Amino acid sequence: IPWNFEPNNTLMHEEGLVEYGTGGIQLLKMIAISRLIFDGLIPHIQSSWLTNGIGMAQLALQYGADDFGGTLIGEEVVSCTGARSTELTDKIIIDAIHQIGYSVEERDNFYNPISVS
């Protein structure tokens, strides 16, 4: 899962060493380059709506990610950084993927297919 550095609530941020996290362009470059370099070595790259938002996750799918990420219950790590929303319904996720013209394949934790829509 490619994640941007989020400085909020870190010692580096408190001490003024870092003011801003990395931006969307860096994330999309990381995903695209990772897809090329790790082809055949890392089978799945997640777009991570959780850390990057729905819109960026949609773009990430178009830049080489093949996993939108899933629904979460009781997530406590990312929410400590000040993330706005750490819970989405399956309908919101499915709609976001369909909006960009992709089909949805639900999977288990081992990437075994469960259903397709």
PDB file of N, CA and C in Angstrom:
ATOM      1  N   ILE A   1       0.855  -1.172   0.000  1.00  0.00           N
ATOM      2  CA  ILE A   1       0.000   0.000   0.000  1.00  0.00           C
ATOM      3  C   ILE A   1       0.900   1.233   0.000  1.00  0.00           C
ATOM      4  N   PRO A   2       0.938   1.971  -1.074  1.00  0.00           N
ATOM      5  CA  PRO A   2       1.704   3.217  -1.078  1.00  0.00           C
ATOM      6  C   PRO A   2       0.983   4.281  -0.239  1.00  0.00           C
ATOM      7  N   TRP A   3       1.652   4.790   0.753  1.00  0.00           N
ATOM      8  CA  TRP A   3       1.057   5.826   1.600  1.00  0.00           C
ATOM      9  C   TRP A   3       1.906   7.081   1.553  1.00  0.00           C
ATOM     10  N   ASN A   4       1.247   8.217   1.490  1.00  0.00           N
ATOM     11  CA  ASN A   4       1.942   9.494   1.620  1.00  0.00           C
ATOM     12  C   ASN A   4       2.378   9.675   3.068  1.00  0.00           C
ATOM     13  N   PHE A   5       3.445  10.431   3.253  1.00  0.00           N
ATOM     14  CA  PHE A   5       3.843  10.786   4.611  1.00  0.00           C
ATOM     15  C   PHE A   5       2.874  11.830   5.138  1.00  0.00           C
ATOM     16  N   GLU A   6       2.306  11.586   6.285  1.00  0.00           N
ATOM     17  CA  GLU A   6       1.383  12.522   6.934  1.00  0.00           C
ATOM     18  C   GLU A   6       2.041  13.038   8.211  1.00  0.00           C
ATOM     19  N   PRO A   7       2.460  14.286   8.236  1.00  0.00           N
ATOM     20  CA  PRO A   7       3.204  14.795   9.381  1.00  0.00           C
ATOM     21  C   PRO A   7       2.365  15.121  10.614  1.00  0.00           C
ATOM     22  N   ASN A   8       1.042  15.226  10.456  1.00  0.00           N
ATOM     23  CA  ASN A   8       0.201  15.606  11.598  1.00  0.00           C
ATOM     24  C   ASN A   8       0.418  14.669  12.782  1.00  0.00           C
ATOM     25  N   ASN A   9       0.495  15.256  13.965  1.00  0.00           N
ATOM     26  CA  ASN A   9       0.669  14.516  15.217  1.00  0.00           C
ATOM     27  C   ASN A   9       1.974  13.726  15.272  1.00  0.00           C
ATOM     28  N   THR A  10       3.012  14.212  14.586  1.00  0.00           N
ATOM     29  CA  THR A  10       4.323  13.572  14.678  1.00  0.00           C
ATOM     30  C   THR A  10       5.297  14.535  15.345  1.00  0.00           C
ATOM     31  N   LEU A  11       6.361  14.009  15.894  1.00  0.00           N
ATOM     32  CA  LEU A  11       7.392  14.829  16.517  1.00  0.00           C
ATOM     33  C   LEU A  11       8.038  15.761  15.486  1.00  0.00           C
ATOM     34  N   MET A  12       8.222  15.260  14.264  1.00  0.00           N
ATOM     35  CA  MET A  12       8.810  16.092  13.211  1.00  0.00           C
ATOM     36  C   MET A  12       7.950  17.328  12.944  1.00  0.00           C
ATOM     37  N   HIS A  13       6.656  17.163  12.979  1.00  0.00           N
ATOM     38  CA  HIS A  13       5.744  18.291  12.756  1.00  0.00           C
ATOM     39  C   HIS A  13       5.769  19.236  13.954  1.00  0.00           C
ATOM     40  N   GLU A  14       5.726  18.672  15.153  1.00  0.00           N
ATOM     41  CA  GLU A  14       5.731  19.488  16.370  1.00  0.00           C
ATOM     42  C   GLU A  14       6.992  20.335  16.481  1.00  0.00           C
ATOM     43  N   GLU A  15       8.125  19.796  16.018  1.00  0.00           N
ATOM     44  CA  GLU A  15       9.392  20.522  16.092  1.00  0.00           C
ATOM     45  C   GLU A  15       9.618  21.431  14.888  1.00  0.00           C
ATOM     46  N   GLY A  16       8.656  21.497  13.985  1.00  0.00           N
ATOM     47  CA  GLY A  16       8.758  22.382  12.833  1.00  0.00           C
ATOM     48  C   GLY A  16       9.656  21.887  11.716  1.00  0.00           C
ATOM     49  N   LEU A  17      10.041  20.623  11.756  1.00  0.00           N
ATOM     50  CA  LEU A  17      10.910  20.079  10.714  1.00  0.00           C
ATOM     51  C   LEU A  17      10.152  19.791   9.422  1.00  0.00           C
ATOM     52  N   VAL A  18       8.876  19.488   9.553  1.00  0.00           N
ATOM     53  CA  VAL A  18       8.031  19.192   8.397  1.00  0.00           C
ATOM     54  C   VAL A  18       6.703  19.895   8.603  1.00  0.00           C
ATOM     55  N   GLU A  19       6.278  20.638   7.595  1.00  0.00           N
ATOM     56  CA  GLU A  19       5.001  21.336   7.719  1.00  0.00           C
ATOM     57  C   GLU A  19       3.896  20.643   6.933  1.00  0.00           C
ATOM     58  N   TYR A  20       4.240  20.124   5.746  1.00  0.00           N
ATOM     59  CA  TYR A  20       3.230  19.529   4.875  1.00  0.00           C
ATOM     60  C   TYR A  20       3.598  18.094   4.523  1.00  0.00           C
ATOM     61  N   GLY A  21       2.578  17.288   4.263  1.00  0.00           N
ATOM     62  CA  GLY A  21       2.800  15.939   3.762  1.00  0.00           C
ATOM     63  C   GLY A  21       3.078  15.990   2.271  1.00  0.00           C
ATOM     64  N   THR A  22       3.337  14.838   1.697  1.00  0.00           N
ATOM     65  CA  THR A  22       3.547  14.780   0.256  1.00  0.00           C
ATOM     66  C   THR A  22       2.211  14.921  -0.450  1.00  0.00           C
ATOM     67  N   GLY A  23       2.236  15.280  -1.687  1.00  0.00           N
ATOM     68  CA  GLY A  23       1.001  15.531  -2.425  1.00  0.00           C
ATOM     69  C   GLY A  23       0.594  14.386  -3.329  1.00  0.00           C
ATOM     70  N   GLY A  24      -0.503  14.611  -4.020  1.00  0.00           N
ATOM     71  CA  GLY A  24      -1.083  13.593  -4.881  1.00  0.00           C
ATOM     72  C   GLY A  24      -0.209  13.197  -6.053  1.00  0.00           C
ATOM     73  N   ILE A  25       0.515  14.156  -6.621  1.00  0.00           N
ATOM     74  CA  ILE A  25       1.379  13.839  -7.766  1.00  0.00           C
ATOM     75  C   ILE A  25       2.436  12.819  -7.362  1.00  0.00           C
ATOM     76  N   GLN A  26       3.034  13.000  -6.177  1.00  0.00           N
ATOM     77  CA  GLN A  26       4.045  12.049  -5.710  1.00  0.00           C
ATOM     78  C   GLN A  26       3.434  10.658  -5.533  1.00  0.00           C
ATOM     79  N   LEU A  27       2.227  10.596  -5.014  1.00  0.00           N
ATOM     80  CA  LEU A  27       1.560   9.307  -4.830  1.00  0.00           C
ATOM     81  C   LEU A  27       1.317   8.623  -6.170  1.00  0.00           C
ATOM     82  N   LEU A  28       0.781   9.358  -7.134  1.00  0.00           N
ATOM     83  CA  LEU A  28       0.495   8.763  -8.440  1.00  0.00           C
ATOM     84  C   LEU A  28       1.771   8.306  -9.135  1.00  0.00           C
ATOM     85  N   LYS A  29       2.848   9.075  -9.010  1.00  0.00           N
ATOM     86  CA  LYS A  29       4.140   8.660  -9.570  1.00  0.00           C
ATOM     87  C   LYS A  29       4.629   7.381  -8.899  1.00  0.00           C
ATOM     88  N   MET A  30       4.503   7.316  -7.564  1.00  0.00           N
ATOM     89  CA  MET A  30       4.951   6.139  -6.827  1.00  0.00           C
ATOM     90  C   MET A  30       4.190   4.891  -7.280  1.00  0.00           C
ATOM     91  N   ILE A  31       2.887   5.023  -7.475  1.00  0.00           N
ATOM     92  CA  ILE A  31       2.079   3.883  -7.904  1.00  0.00           C
ATOM     93  C   ILE A  31       2.460   3.459  -9.318  1.00  0.00           C
ATOM     94  N   ALA A  32       2.566   4.413 -10.232  1.00  0.00           N
ATOM     95  CA  ALA A  32       2.898   4.086 -11.620  1.00  0.00           C
ATOM     96  C   ALA A  32       4.280   3.447 -11.730  1.00  0.00           C
ATOM     97  N   ILE A  33       5.258   4.018 -11.053  1.00  0.00           N
ATOM     98  CA  ILE A  33       6.617   3.476 -11.104  1.00  0.00           C
ATOM     99  C   ILE A  33       6.679   2.114 -10.423  1.00  0.00           C
ATOM    100  N   SER A  34       5.966   1.960  -9.307  1.00  0.00           N
ATOM    101  CA  SER A  34       5.931   0.666  -8.610  1.00  0.00           C
ATOM    102  C   SER A  34       5.340  -0.413  -9.501  1.00  0.00           C
ATOM    103  N   ARG A  35       4.292  -0.075 -10.245  1.00  0.00           N
ATOM    104  CA  ARG A  35       3.670  -1.042 -11.149  1.00  0.00           C
ATOM    105  C   ARG A  35       4.679  -1.509 -12.192  1.00  0.00           C
ATOM    106  N   LEU A  36       5.496  -0.592 -12.699  1.00  0.00           N
ATOM    107  CA  LEU A  36       6.491  -0.948 -13.712  1.00  0.00           C
ATOM    108  C   LEU A  36       7.659  -1.735 -13.121  1.00  0.00           C
ATOM    109  N   ILE A  37       8.206  -1.251 -12.028  1.00  0.00           N
ATOM    110  CA  ILE A  37       9.405  -1.862 -11.450  1.00  0.00           C
ATOM    111  C   ILE A  37       9.112  -3.207 -10.795  1.00  0.00           C
ATOM    112  N   PHE A  38       7.998  -3.300 -10.082  1.00  0.00           N
ATOM    113  CA  PHE A  38       7.707  -4.512  -9.322  1.00  0.00           C
ATOM    114  C   PHE A  38       6.782  -5.474 -10.047  1.00  0.00           C
ATOM    115  N   ASP A  39       6.586  -5.276 -11.353  1.00  0.00           N
ATOM    116  CA  ASP A  39       5.734  -6.164 -12.135  1.00  0.00           C
ATOM    117  C   ASP A  39       6.235  -7.602 -12.001  1.00  0.00           C
ATOM    118  N   GLY A  40       5.357  -8.484 -11.608  1.00  0.00           N
ATOM    119  CA  GLY A  40       5.721  -9.881 -11.413  1.00  0.00           C
ATOM    120  C   GLY A  40       6.239 -10.189 -10.019  1.00  0.00           C
ATOM    121  N   LEU A  41       6.582  -9.168  -9.248  1.00  0.00           N
ATOM    122  CA  LEU A  41       7.084  -9.368  -7.885  1.00  0.00           C
ATOM    123  C   LEU A  41       6.025  -9.027  -6.844  1.00  0.00           C
ATOM    124  N   ILE A  42       5.335  -7.929  -7.055  1.00  0.00           N
ATOM    125  CA  ILE A  42       4.255  -7.512  -6.158  1.00  0.00           C
ATOM    126  C   ILE A  42       2.971  -7.542  -6.986  1.00  0.00           C
ATOM    127  N   PRO A  43       2.111  -8.526  -6.724  1.00  0.00           N
ATOM    128  CA  PRO A  43       0.947  -8.708  -7.596  1.00  0.00           C
ATOM    129  C   PRO A  43      -0.144  -7.649  -7.455  1.00  0.00           C
ATOM    130  N   HIS A  44      -0.259  -7.002  -6.311  1.00  0.00           N
ATOM    131  CA  HIS A  44      -1.347  -6.047  -6.107  1.00  0.00           C
ATOM    132  C   HIS A  44      -0.833  -4.764  -5.465  1.00  0.00           C
ATOM    133  N   ILE A  45      -1.320  -3.641  -5.968  1.00  0.00           N
ATOM    134  CA  ILE A  45      -0.995  -2.331  -5.409  1.00  0.00           C
ATOM    135  C   ILE A  45      -2.305  -1.657  -5.048  1.00  0.00           C
ATOM    136  N   GLN A  46      -2.427  -1.262  -3.796  1.00  0.00           N
ATOM    137  CA  GLN A  46      -3.673  -0.674  -3.311  1.00  0.00           C
ATOM    138  C   GLN A  46      -3.671   0.842  -3.486  1.00  0.00           C
ATOM    139  N   SER A  47      -4.825   1.370  -3.873  1.00  0.00           N
ATOM    140  CA  SER A  47      -4.951   2.821  -4.057  1.00  0.00           C
ATOM    141  C   SER A  47      -5.198   3.548  -2.740  1.00  0.00           C
ATOM    142  N   SER A  48      -5.689   2.851  -1.760  1.00  0.00           N
ATOM    143  CA  SER A  48      -5.895   3.344  -0.400  1.00  0.00           C
ATOM    144  C   SER A  48      -6.736   4.608  -0.291  1.00  0.00           C
ATOM    145  N   TRP A  49      -8.020   4.462  -0.451  1.00  0.00           N
ATOM    146  CA  TRP A  49      -8.946   5.585  -0.237  1.00  0.00           C
ATOM    147  C   TRP A  49      -8.823   6.118   1.177  1.00  0.00           C
ATOM    148  N   LEU A  50      -8.442   5.254   2.111  1.00  0.00           N
ATOM    149  CA  LEU A  50      -8.381   5.629   3.521  1.00  0.00           C
ATOM    150  C   LEU A  50      -7.420   6.785   3.761  1.00  0.00           C
ATOM    151  N   THR A  51      -6.251   6.721   3.170  1.00  0.00           N
ATOM    152  CA  THR A  51      -5.254   7.760   3.406  1.00  0.00           C
ATOM    153  C   THR A  51      -5.260   8.854   2.353  1.00  0.00           C
ATOM    154  N   ASN A  52      -5.846   8.580   1.198  1.00  0.00           N
ATOM    155  CA  ASN A  52      -5.754   9.528   0.093  1.00  0.00           C
ATOM    156  C   ASN A  52      -7.082  10.105  -0.371  1.00  0.00           C
ATOM    157  N   GLY A  53      -8.181   9.601   0.143  1.00  0.00           N
ATOM    158  CA  GLY A  53      -9.497  10.073  -0.273  1.00  0.00           C
ATOM    159  C   GLY A  53     -10.012   9.317  -1.487  1.00  0.00           C
ATOM    160  N   ILE A  54     -11.308   9.413  -1.704  1.00  0.00           N
ATOM    161  CA  ILE A  54     -11.943   8.656  -2.784  1.00  0.00           C
ATOM    162  C   ILE A  54     -11.456   9.113  -4.158  1.00  0.00           C
ATOM    163  N   GLY A  55     -11.401  10.420  -4.382  1.00  0.00           N
ATOM    164  CA  GLY A  55     -10.985  10.931  -5.689  1.00  0.00           C
ATOM    165  C   GLY A  55      -9.579  10.509  -6.063  1.00  0.00           C
ATOM    166  N   MET A  56      -8.659  10.598  -5.121  1.00  0.00           N
ATOM    167  CA  MET A  56      -7.282  10.190  -5.395  1.00  0.00           C
ATOM    168  C   MET A  56      -7.201   8.677  -5.584  1.00  0.00           C
ATOM    169  N   ALA A  57      -8.001   7.932  -4.861  1.00  0.00           N
ATOM    170  CA  ALA A  57      -8.019   6.475  -5.033  1.00  0.00           C
ATOM    171  C   ALA A  57      -8.507   6.109  -6.432  1.00  0.00           C
ATOM    172  N   GLN A  58      -9.487   6.850  -6.946  1.00  0.00           N
ATOM    173  CA  GLN A  58      -9.949   6.613  -8.315  1.00  0.00           C
ATOM    174  C   GLN A  58      -8.818   6.878  -9.313  1.00  0.00           C
ATOM    175  N   LEU A  59      -8.106   7.978  -9.137  1.00  0.00           N
ATOM    176  CA  LEU A  59      -6.972   8.274 -10.016  1.00  0.00           C
ATOM    177  C   LEU A  59      -5.890   7.204  -9.902  1.00  0.00           C
ATOM    178  N   ALA A  60      -5.630   6.756  -8.686  1.00  0.00           N
ATOM    179  CA  ALA A  60      -4.594   5.748  -8.467  1.00  0.00           C
ATOM    180  C   ALA A  60      -4.899   4.464  -9.235  1.00  0.00           C
ATOM    181  N   LEU A  61      -6.172   4.092  -9.317  1.00  0.00           N
ATOM    182  CA  LEU A  61      -6.537   2.917 -10.113  1.00  0.00           C
ATOM    183  C   LEU A  61      -6.151   3.123 -11.574  1.00  0.00           C
ATOM    184  N   GLN A  62      -6.279   4.337 -12.058  1.00  0.00           N
ATOM    185  CA  GLN A  62      -5.945   4.635 -13.446  1.00  0.00           C
ATOM    186  C   GLN A  62      -4.437   4.781 -13.662  1.00  0.00           C
ATOM    187  N   TYR A  63      -3.674   4.892 -12.576  1.00  0.00           N
ATOM    188  CA  TYR A  63      -2.217   4.995 -12.655  1.00  0.00           C
ATOM    189  C   TYR A  63      -1.508   3.687 -12.318  1.00  0.00           C
ATOM    190  N   GLY A  64      -2.261   2.603 -12.151  1.00  0.00           N
ATOM    191  CA  GLY A  64      -1.621   1.307 -11.962  1.00  0.00           C
ATOM    192  C   GLY A  64      -2.028   0.528 -10.736  1.00  0.00           C
ATOM    193  N   ALA A  65      -2.701   1.141  -9.785  1.00  0.00           N
ATOM    194  CA  ALA A  65      -3.195   0.374  -8.636  1.00  0.00           C
ATOM    195  C   ALA A  65      -4.306  -0.553  -9.122  1.00  0.00           C
ATOM    196  N   ASP A  66      -4.450  -1.692  -8.478  1.00  0.00           N
ATOM    197  CA  ASP A  66      -5.515  -2.615  -8.878  1.00  0.00           C
ATOM    198  C   ASP A  66      -6.408  -3.000  -7.700  1.00  0.00           C
ATOM    199  N   ASP A  67      -6.254  -2.301  -6.594  1.00  0.00           N
ATOM    200  CA  ASP A  67      -7.037  -2.591  -5.394  1.00  0.00           C
ATOM    201  C   ASP A  67      -7.450  -1.256  -4.778  1.00  0.00           C
ATOM    202  N   PHE A  68      -8.741  -1.021  -4.690  1.00  0.00           N
ATOM    203  CA  PHE A  68      -9.254   0.237  -4.139  1.00  0.00           C
ATOM    204  C   PHE A  68      -9.096   0.290  -2.630  1.00  0.00           C
ATOM    205  N   GLY A  69      -9.074  -0.859  -1.990  1.00  0.00           N
ATOM    206  CA  GLY A  69      -9.124  -0.931  -0.533  1.00  0.00           C
ATOM    207  C   GLY A  69     -10.543  -1.262  -0.133  1.00  0.00           C
ATOM    208  N   GLY A  70     -10.750  -1.614   1.091  1.00  0.00           N
ATOM    209  CA  GLY A  70     -12.068  -2.084   1.492  1.00  0.00           C
ATOM    210  C   GLY A  70     -12.714  -1.289   2.597  1.00  0.00           C
ATOM    211  N   THR A  71     -13.782  -1.866   3.108  1.00  0.00           N
ATOM    212  CA  THR A  71     -14.486  -1.259   4.232  1.00  0.00           C
ATOM    213  C   THR A  71     -13.720  -1.570   5.507  1.00  0.00           C
ATOM    214  N   LEU A  72     -13.740  -0.639   6.433  1.00  0.00           N
ATOM    215  CA  LEU A  72     -13.027  -0.803   7.697  1.00  0.00           C
ATOM    216  C   LEU A  72     -13.976  -0.551   8.847  1.00  0.00           C
ATOM    217  N   ILE A  73     -13.756  -1.271   9.914  1.00  0.00           N
ATOM    218  CA  ILE A  73     -14.553  -1.071  11.119  1.00  0.00           C
ATOM    219  C   ILE A  73     -13.587  -0.876  12.279  1.00  0.00           C
ATOM    220  N   GLY A  74     -13.722   0.228  12.986  1.00  0.00           N
ATOM    221  CA  GLY A  74     -12.904   0.467  14.170  1.00  0.00           C
ATOM    222  C   GLY A  74     -11.464   0.829  13.878  1.00  0.00           C
ATOM    223  N   GLU A  75     -11.177   1.408  12.724  1.00  0.00           N
ATOM    224  CA  GLU A  75      -9.820   1.799  12.367  1.00  0.00           C
ATOM    225  C   GLU A  75      -9.355   2.903  13.308  1.00  0.00           C
ATOM    226  N   GLU A  76      -8.141   2.744  13.889  1.00  0.00           N
ATOM    227  CA  GLU A  76      -7.657   3.717  14.865  1.00  0.00           C
ATOM    228  C   GLU A  76      -6.303   4.325  14.525  1.00  0.00           C
ATOM    229  N   VAL A  77      -5.570   3.746  13.583  1.00  0.00           N
ATOM    230  CA  VAL A  77      -4.228   4.243  13.294  1.00  0.00           C
ATOM    231  C   VAL A  77      -4.281   5.492  12.429  1.00  0.00           C
ATOM    232  N   VAL A  78      -4.894   5.399  11.263  1.00  0.00           N
ATOM    233  CA  VAL A  78      -4.936   6.535  10.342  1.00  0.00           C
ATOM    234  C   VAL A  78      -5.762   7.676  10.912  1.00  0.00           C
ATOM    235  N   SER A  79      -6.813   7.362  11.638  1.00  0.00           N
ATOM    236  CA  SER A  79      -7.659   8.419  12.200  1.00  0.00           C
ATOM    237  C   SER A  79      -6.883   9.301  13.180  1.00  0.00           C
ATOM    238  N   CYS A  80      -5.796   8.800  13.760  1.00  0.00           N
ATOM    239  CA  CYS A  80      -4.963   9.605  14.668  1.00  0.00           C
ATOM    240  C   CYS A  80      -4.239  10.728  13.931  1.00  0.00           C
ATOM    241  N   THR A  81      -4.114  10.617  12.615  1.00  0.00           N
ATOM    242  CA  THR A  81      -3.448  11.662  11.838  1.00  0.00           C
ATOM    243  C   THR A  81      -4.395  12.795  11.490  1.00  0.00           C
ATOM    244  N   GLY A  82      -5.648  12.645  11.862  1.00  0.00           N
ATOM    245  CA  GLY A  82      -6.633  13.674  11.552  1.00  0.00           C
ATOM    246  C   GLY A  82      -7.431  13.381  10.300  1.00  0.00           C
ATOM    247  N   ALA A  83      -7.346  12.152   9.790  1.00  0.00           N
ATOM    248  CA  ALA A  83      -8.108  11.781   8.587  1.00  0.00           C
ATOM    249  C   ALA A  83      -9.581  12.054   8.824  1.00  0.00           C
ATOM    250  N   ARG A  84     -10.222  12.597   7.804  1.00  0.00           N
ATOM    251  CA  ARG A  84     -11.623  13.004   7.933  1.00  0.00           C
ATOM    252  C   ARG A  84     -12.564  11.823   8.131  1.00  0.00           C
ATOM    253  N   SER A  85     -12.459  10.836   7.302  1.00  0.00           N
ATOM    254  CA  SER A  85     -13.393   9.720   7.384  1.00  0.00           C
ATOM    255  C   SER A  85     -12.633   8.428   7.199  1.00  0.00           C
ATOM    256  N   THR A  86     -12.798   7.518   8.119  1.00  0.00           N
ATOM    257  CA  THR A  86     -12.112   6.239   7.999  1.00  0.00           C
ATOM    258  C   THR A  86     -13.097   5.096   7.799  1.00  0.00           C
ATOM    259  N   GLU A  87     -14.330   5.417   7.504  1.00  0.00           N
ATOM    260  CA  GLU A  87     -15.316   4.369   7.242  1.00  0.00           C
ATOM    261  C   GLU A  87     -16.156   4.732   6.028  1.00  0.00           C
ATOM    262  N   LEU A  88     -16.218   3.824   5.066  1.00  0.00           N
ATOM    263  CA  LEU A  88     -17.079   3.960   3.896  1.00  0.00           C
ATOM    264  C   LEU A  88     -17.926   2.704   3.784  1.00  0.00           C
ATOM    265  N   THR A  89     -19.104   2.846   3.217  1.00  0.00           N
ATOM    266  CA  THR A  89     -19.936   1.669   2.978  1.00  0.00           C
ATOM    267  C   THR A  89     -19.482   0.994   1.695  1.00  0.00           C
ATOM    268  N   ASP A  90     -19.854  -0.268   1.559  1.00  0.00           N
ATOM    269  CA  ASP A  90     -19.507  -0.969   0.330  1.00  0.00           C
ATOM    270  C   ASP A  90     -20.160  -0.313  -0.882  1.00  0.00           C
ATOM    271  N   LYS A  91     -21.352   0.230  -0.725  1.00  0.00           N
ATOM    272  CA  LYS A  91     -22.037   0.903  -1.841  1.00  0.00           C
ATOM    273  C   LYS A  91     -21.246   2.116  -2.326  1.00  0.00           C
ATOM    274  N   ILE A  92     -20.717   2.916  -1.412  1.00  0.00           N
ATOM    275  CA  ILE A  92     -19.930   4.093  -1.799  1.00  0.00           C
ATOM    276  C   ILE A  92     -18.680   3.661  -2.562  1.00  0.00           C
ATOM    277  N   ILE A  93     -18.019   2.621  -2.084  1.00  0.00           N
ATOM    278  CA  ILE A  93     -16.808   2.124  -2.743  1.00  0.00           C
ATOM    279  C   ILE A  93     -17.136   1.595  -4.137  1.00  0.00           C
ATOM    280  N   ILE A  94     -18.174   0.788  -4.241  1.00  0.00           N
ATOM    281  CA  ILE A  94     -18.570   0.221  -5.537  1.00  0.00           C
ATOM    282  C   ILE A  94     -18.943   1.333  -6.516  1.00  0.00           C
ATOM    283  N   ASP A  95     -19.715   2.305  -6.057  1.00  0.00           N
ATOM    284  CA  ASP A  95     -20.101   3.431  -6.922  1.00  0.00           C
ATOM    285  C   ASP A  95     -18.877   4.210  -7.406  1.00  0.00           C
ATOM    286  N   ALA A  96     -17.912   4.439  -6.532  1.00  0.00           N
ATOM    287  CA  ALA A  96     -16.706   5.186  -6.905  1.00  0.00           C
ATOM    288  C   ALA A  96     -15.921   4.454  -7.988  1.00  0.00           C
ATOM    289  N   ILE A  97     -15.858   3.144  -7.893  1.00  0.00           N
ATOM    290  CA  ILE A  97     -15.130   2.356  -8.894  1.00  0.00           C
ATOM    291  C   ILE A  97     -15.897   2.338 -10.213  1.00  0.00           C
ATOM    292  N   HIS A  98     -17.205   2.176 -10.145  1.00  0.00           N
ATOM    293  CA  HIS A  98     -18.023   2.191 -11.366  1.00  0.00           C
ATOM    294  C   HIS A  98     -17.980   3.552 -12.057  1.00  0.00           C
ATOM    295  N   GLN A  99     -17.864   4.636 -11.287  1.00  0.00           N
ATOM    296  CA  GLN A  99     -17.819   5.989 -11.863  1.00  0.00           C
ATOM    297  C   GLN A  99     -16.676   6.168 -12.852  1.00  0.00           C
ATOM    298  N   ILE A 100     -15.582   5.450 -12.649  1.00  0.00           N
ATOM    299  CA  ILE A 100     -14.438   5.587 -13.560  1.00  0.00           C
ATOM    300  C   ILE A 100     -14.415   4.476 -14.605  1.00  0.00           C
ATOM    301  N   GLY A 101     -15.513   3.729 -14.688  1.00  0.00           N
ATOM    302  CA  GLY A 101     -15.646   2.729 -15.740  1.00  0.00           C
ATOM    303  C   GLY A 101     -15.018   1.383 -15.446  1.00  0.00           C
ATOM    304  N   TYR A 102     -14.718   1.107 -14.196  1.00  0.00           N
ATOM    305  CA  TYR A 102     -14.104  -0.164 -13.829  1.00  0.00           C
ATOM    306  C   TYR A 102     -15.144  -1.084 -13.210  1.00  0.00           C
ATOM    307  N   SER A 103     -14.904  -2.393 -13.325  1.00  0.00           N
ATOM    308  CA  SER A 103     -15.771  -3.351 -12.643  1.00  0.00           C
ATOM    309  C   SER A 103     -15.190  -3.623 -11.258  1.00  0.00           C
ATOM    310  N   VAL A 104     -16.011  -4.175 -10.402  1.00  0.00           N
ATOM    311  CA  VAL A 104     -15.623  -4.424  -9.013  1.00  0.00           C
ATOM    312  C   VAL A 104     -15.544  -5.923  -8.775  1.00  0.00           C
ATOM    313  N   GLU A 105     -14.471  -6.336  -8.138  1.00  0.00           N
ATOM    314  CA  GLU A 105     -14.356  -7.729  -7.722  1.00  0.00           C
ATOM    315  C   GLU A 105     -14.079  -7.740  -6.226  1.00  0.00           C
ATOM    316  N   GLU A 106     -15.043  -8.215  -5.463  1.00  0.00           N
ATOM    317  CA  GLU A 106     -14.839  -8.336  -4.018  1.00  0.00           C
ATOM    318  C   GLU A 106     -13.894  -9.499  -3.778  1.00  0.00           C
ATOM    319  N   ARG A 107     -13.015  -9.345  -2.798  1.00  0.00           N
ATOM    320  CA  ARG A 107     -12.012 -10.368  -2.509  1.00  0.00           C
ATOM    321  C   ARG A 107     -11.906 -10.584  -1.012  1.00  0.00           C
ATOM    322  N   ASP A 108     -11.246 -11.676  -0.645  1.00  0.00           N
ATOM    323  CA  ASP A 108     -10.945 -11.883   0.767  1.00  0.00           C
ATOM    324  C   ASP A 108      -9.538 -11.348   1.043  1.00  0.00           C
ATOM    325  N   ASN A 109      -9.028 -11.557   2.246  1.00  0.00           N
ATOM    326  CA  ASN A 109      -7.704 -11.032   2.615  1.00  0.00           C
ATOM    327  C   ASN A 109      -6.558 -11.655   1.832  1.00  0.00           C
ATOM    328  N   PHE A 110      -6.818 -12.782   1.179  1.00  0.00           N
ATOM    329  CA  PHE A 110      -5.780 -13.468   0.412  1.00  0.00           C
ATOM    330  C   PHE A 110      -5.949 -13.252  -1.093  1.00  0.00           C
ATOM    331  N   TYR A 111      -6.794 -12.303  -1.460  1.00  0.00           N
ATOM    332  CA  TYR A 111      -7.085 -11.950  -2.849  1.00  0.00           C
ATOM    333  C   TYR A 111      -7.810 -13.055  -3.608  1.00  0.00           C
ATOM    334  N   ASN A 112      -8.523 -13.893  -2.905  1.00  0.00           N
ATOM    335  CA  ASN A 112      -9.398 -14.861  -3.556  1.00  0.00           C
ATOM    336  C   ASN A 112     -10.710 -14.158  -3.884  1.00  0.00           C
ATOM    337  N   PRO A 113     -11.184 -14.267  -5.137  1.00  0.00           N
ATOM    338  CA  PRO A 113     -12.435 -13.593  -5.517  1.00  0.00           C
ATOM    339  C   PRO A 113     -13.637 -14.111  -4.732  1.00  0.00           C
ATOM    340  N   ILE A 114     -14.516 -13.177  -4.358  1.00  0.00           N
ATOM    341  CA  ILE A 114     -15.762 -13.531  -3.676  1.00  0.00           C
ATOM    342  C   ILE A 114     -16.943 -13.261  -4.593  1.00  0.00           C
ATOM    343  N   SER A 115     -16.980 -12.055  -5.198  1.00  0.00           N
ATOM    344  CA  SER A 115     -18.059 -11.718  -6.124  1.00  0.00           C
ATOM    345  C   SER A 115     -17.603 -10.609  -7.062  1.00  0.00           C
ATOM    346  N   VAL A 116     -18.305 -10.483  -8.181  1.00  0.00           N
ATOM    347  CA  VAL A 116     -17.988  -9.470  -9.185  1.00  0.00           C
ATOM    348  C   VAL A 116     -19.230  -8.644  -9.448  1.00  0.00           C
ATOM    349  N   SER A 117     -19.058  -7.310  -9.596  1.00  0.00           N
ATOM    350  CA  SER A 117     -20.187  -6.458  -9.993  1.00  0.00           C
ATOM    351  C   SER A 117     -19.716  -5.369 -10.933  1.00  0.00           C
TER     352      SER A 117
END
